[in-house]
């Protein structure tokens, strides 16, 4: 099965040290529940106590729009090809290459920065 956006979010949050997700179940978060289940116990869901709220739950994930996230199983050759493609015309290639390299290193060495 291919990786979903929810799988990516759960994987990345786990890499950043997140072990508990607080929220309220509903249609919009069901994909995240599935991803947490597939992550085999790496994260716990804690249902929020503000059940009387009439407002929807929002999952906010902040990313750098200039740095595309690398795929979870990127090879060194793929990373090299990505960098070479950027150098052929992207005006912000140095920032993107540095950011992508930082993300790859953080996924290899979690907690090291």
C-alpha atoms as a PDB file:
ATOM      1  CA  UNK A   1       0.000   0.000   0.000  1.00  0.00           C
ATOM      2  CA  UNK A   2       1.306   3.472  -0.822  1.00  0.00           C
ATOM      3  CA  UNK A   3       1.877   6.118   1.819  1.00  0.00           C
ATOM      4  CA  UNK A   4      -0.937   8.587   2.458  1.00  0.00           C
ATOM      5  CA  UNK A   5      -0.612  12.190   3.625  1.00  0.00           C
ATOM      6  CA  UNK A   6      -1.816  11.044   7.054  1.00  0.00           C
ATOM      7  CA  UNK A   7       0.895   8.352   7.148  1.00  0.00           C
ATOM      8  CA  UNK A   8       3.489  11.015   6.338  1.00  0.00           C
ATOM      9  CA  UNK A   9       2.156  13.348   9.051  1.00  0.00           C
ATOM     10  CA  UNK A  10       2.168  10.617  11.709  1.00  0.00           C
ATOM     11  CA  UNK A  11       5.660   9.455  10.690  1.00  0.00           C
ATOM     12  CA  UNK A  12       7.083  12.973  10.737  1.00  0.00           C
ATOM     13  CA  UNK A  13       5.448  13.839  14.069  1.00  0.00           C
ATOM     14  CA  UNK A  14       6.936  10.647  15.545  1.00  0.00           C
ATOM     15  CA  UNK A  15      10.377  11.643  14.230  1.00  0.00           C
ATOM     16  CA  UNK A  16       9.953  14.989  15.994  1.00  0.00           C
ATOM     17  CA  UNK A  17       9.252  13.211  19.277  1.00  0.00           C
ATOM     18  CA  UNK A  18       5.445  13.477  19.363  1.00  0.00           C
ATOM     19  CA  UNK A  19       3.959  10.482  21.186  1.00  0.00           C
ATOM     20  CA  UNK A  20       0.420  11.738  21.960  1.00  0.00           C
ATOM     21  CA  UNK A  21      -2.123  13.420  19.710  1.00  0.00           C
ATOM     22  CA  UNK A  22      -4.954  15.241  21.437  1.00  0.00           C
ATOM     23  CA  UNK A  23      -8.192  15.791  19.565  1.00  0.00           C
ATOM     24  CA  UNK A  24     -11.810  14.940  19.001  1.00  0.00           C
ATOM     25  CA  UNK A  25     -12.794  12.121  16.625  1.00  0.00           C
ATOM     26  CA  UNK A  26     -14.719  12.955  13.485  1.00  0.00           C
ATOM     27  CA  UNK A  27     -14.732  12.537   9.728  1.00  0.00           C
ATOM     28  CA  UNK A  28     -11.874  14.976   9.104  1.00  0.00           C
ATOM     29  CA  UNK A  29      -9.398  13.136  11.320  1.00  0.00           C
ATOM     30  CA  UNK A  30     -10.247   9.542  10.398  1.00  0.00           C
ATOM     31  CA  UNK A  31      -7.295   9.357   8.010  1.00  0.00           C
ATOM     32  CA  UNK A  32      -4.970  10.232  10.879  1.00  0.00           C
ATOM     33  CA  UNK A  33      -6.573   7.502  13.018  1.00  0.00           C
ATOM     34  CA  UNK A  34      -5.862   4.989  10.253  1.00  0.00           C
ATOM     35  CA  UNK A  35      -2.262   6.169   9.974  1.00  0.00           C
ATOM     36  CA  UNK A  36      -1.803   5.915  13.739  1.00  0.00           C
ATOM     37  CA  UNK A  37      -3.128   2.361  13.607  1.00  0.00           C
ATOM     38  CA  UNK A  38      -0.700   1.475  10.802  1.00  0.00           C
ATOM     39  CA  UNK A  39       2.136   3.038  12.869  1.00  0.00           C
ATOM     40  CA  UNK A  40       1.700   0.120  15.286  1.00  0.00           C
ATOM     41  CA  UNK A  41       1.504   1.889  18.633  1.00  0.00           C
ATOM     42  CA  UNK A  42       4.112   4.596  18.036  1.00  0.00           C
ATOM     43  CA  UNK A  43       1.528   7.243  18.998  1.00  0.00           C
ATOM     44  CA  UNK A  44      -1.445   7.446  21.304  1.00  0.00           C
ATOM     45  CA  UNK A  45      -4.668   9.353  20.668  1.00  0.00           C
ATOM     46  CA  UNK A  46      -6.087  11.247  23.646  1.00  0.00           C
ATOM     47  CA  UNK A  47      -9.643  12.444  23.218  1.00  0.00           C
ATOM     48  CA  UNK A  48      -9.994  16.100  24.219  1.00  0.00           C
ATOM     49  CA  UNK A  49     -12.210  16.865  27.221  1.00  0.00           C
ATOM     50  CA  UNK A  50     -13.850  20.061  25.456  1.00  0.00           C
ATOM     51  CA  UNK A  51     -16.683  17.877  24.023  1.00  0.00           C
ATOM     52  CA  UNK A  52     -19.244  20.674  24.418  1.00  0.00           C
ATOM     53  CA  UNK A  53     -17.496  22.812  21.816  1.00  0.00           C
ATOM     54  CA  UNK A  54     -19.467  23.543  18.665  1.00  0.00           C
ATOM     55  CA  UNK A  55     -16.297  24.341  16.730  1.00  0.00           C
ATOM     56  CA  UNK A  56     -14.426  21.877  14.492  1.00  0.00           C
ATOM     57  CA  UNK A  57     -11.023  20.476  15.399  1.00  0.00           C
ATOM     58  CA  UNK A  58      -8.169  21.758  13.274  1.00  0.00           C
ATOM     59  CA  UNK A  59      -4.929  19.890  12.653  1.00  0.00           C
ATOM     60  CA  UNK A  60      -2.262  22.491  11.961  1.00  0.00           C
ATOM     61  CA  UNK A  61       0.987  21.371  10.397  1.00  0.00           C
ATOM     62  CA  UNK A  62       3.549  24.019   9.539  1.00  0.00           C
ATOM     63  CA  UNK A  63       6.098  23.394   6.836  1.00  0.00           C
ATOM     64  CA  UNK A  64       8.541  25.502   4.883  1.00  0.00           C
ATOM     65  CA  UNK A  65       6.884  26.152   1.493  1.00  0.00           C
ATOM     66  CA  UNK A  66      10.313  26.481  -0.110  1.00  0.00           C
ATOM     67  CA  UNK A  67      11.457  23.011   0.953  1.00  0.00           C
ATOM     68  CA  UNK A  68       9.560  20.014  -0.408  1.00  0.00           C
ATOM     69  CA  UNK A  69       9.565  17.096   2.058  1.00  0.00           C
ATOM     70  CA  UNK A  70      11.678  14.192   0.840  1.00  0.00           C
ATOM     71  CA  UNK A  71       9.945  10.851   0.329  1.00  0.00           C
ATOM     72  CA  UNK A  72      10.339   8.488   3.302  1.00  0.00           C
ATOM     73  CA  UNK A  73      12.612   6.042   1.466  1.00  0.00           C
ATOM     74  CA  UNK A  74      14.652   8.379  -0.730  1.00  0.00           C
ATOM     75  CA  UNK A  75      17.907   6.921  -1.988  1.00  0.00           C
ATOM     76  CA  UNK A  76      21.161   8.823  -2.206  1.00  0.00           C
ATOM     77  CA  UNK A  77      20.945   8.730  -6.012  1.00  0.00           C
ATOM     78  CA  UNK A  78      17.411  10.164  -5.945  1.00  0.00           C
ATOM     79  CA  UNK A  79      18.560  12.958  -3.623  1.00  0.00           C
ATOM     80  CA  UNK A  80      21.446  13.699  -5.974  1.00  0.00           C
ATOM     81  CA  UNK A  81      19.115  13.783  -8.995  1.00  0.00           C
ATOM     82  CA  UNK A  82      16.760  16.110  -7.102  1.00  0.00           C
ATOM     83  CA  UNK A  83      19.627  18.492  -6.323  1.00  0.00           C
ATOM     84  CA  UNK A  84      20.854  18.438  -9.929  1.00  0.00           C
ATOM     85  CA  UNK A  85      17.343  19.192 -11.217  1.00  0.00           C
ATOM     86  CA  UNK A  86      17.059  22.175  -8.869  1.00  0.00           C
ATOM     87  CA  UNK A  87      20.364  23.612 -10.022  1.00  0.00           C
ATOM     88  CA  UNK A  88      19.064  23.724 -13.594  1.00  0.00           C
ATOM     89  CA  UNK A  89      16.751  26.625 -13.011  1.00  0.00           C
ATOM     90  CA  UNK A  90      15.125  27.148  -9.623  1.00  0.00           C
ATOM     91  CA  UNK A  91      15.955  30.639  -8.343  1.00  0.00           C
ATOM     92  CA  UNK A  92      16.031  29.425  -4.721  1.00  0.00           C
ATOM     93  CA  UNK A  93      17.931  26.203  -5.323  1.00  0.00           C
ATOM     94  CA  UNK A  94      20.521  26.726  -2.602  1.00  0.00           C
ATOM     95  CA  UNK A  95      17.872  27.243   0.099  1.00  0.00           C
ATOM     96  CA  UNK A  96      15.868  24.248  -1.109  1.00  0.00           C
ATOM     97  CA  UNK A  97      18.918  21.996  -1.263  1.00  0.00           C
ATOM     98  CA  UNK A  98      20.032  23.025   2.236  1.00  0.00           C
ATOM     99  CA  UNK A  99      16.516  22.542   3.627  1.00  0.00           C
ATOM    100  CA  UNK A 100      16.059  19.161   1.936  1.00  0.00           C
ATOM    101  CA  UNK A 101      19.482  18.007   3.156  1.00  0.00           C
ATOM    102  CA  UNK A 102      18.589  19.116   6.700  1.00  0.00           C
ATOM    103  CA  UNK A 103      15.334  17.122   6.537  1.00  0.00           C
ATOM    104  CA  UNK A 104      17.106  14.010   5.288  1.00  0.00           C
ATOM    105  CA  UNK A 105      19.718  14.269   8.047  1.00  0.00           C
ATOM    106  CA  UNK A 106      17.036  14.817  10.690  1.00  0.00           C
ATOM    107  CA  UNK A 107      15.233  11.684   9.532  1.00  0.00           C
ATOM    108  CA  UNK A 108      18.486   9.699   9.755  1.00  0.00           C
ATOM    109  CA  UNK A 109      19.608  11.252  13.047  1.00  0.00           C
ATOM    110  CA  UNK A 110      16.396  12.190  14.914  1.00  0.00           C
ATOM    111  CA  UNK A 111      16.963  14.722  17.648  1.00  0.00           C
ATOM    112  CA  UNK A 112      20.346  15.830  16.252  1.00  0.00           C
ATOM    113  CA  UNK A 113      20.410  19.377  14.876  1.00  0.00           C
END
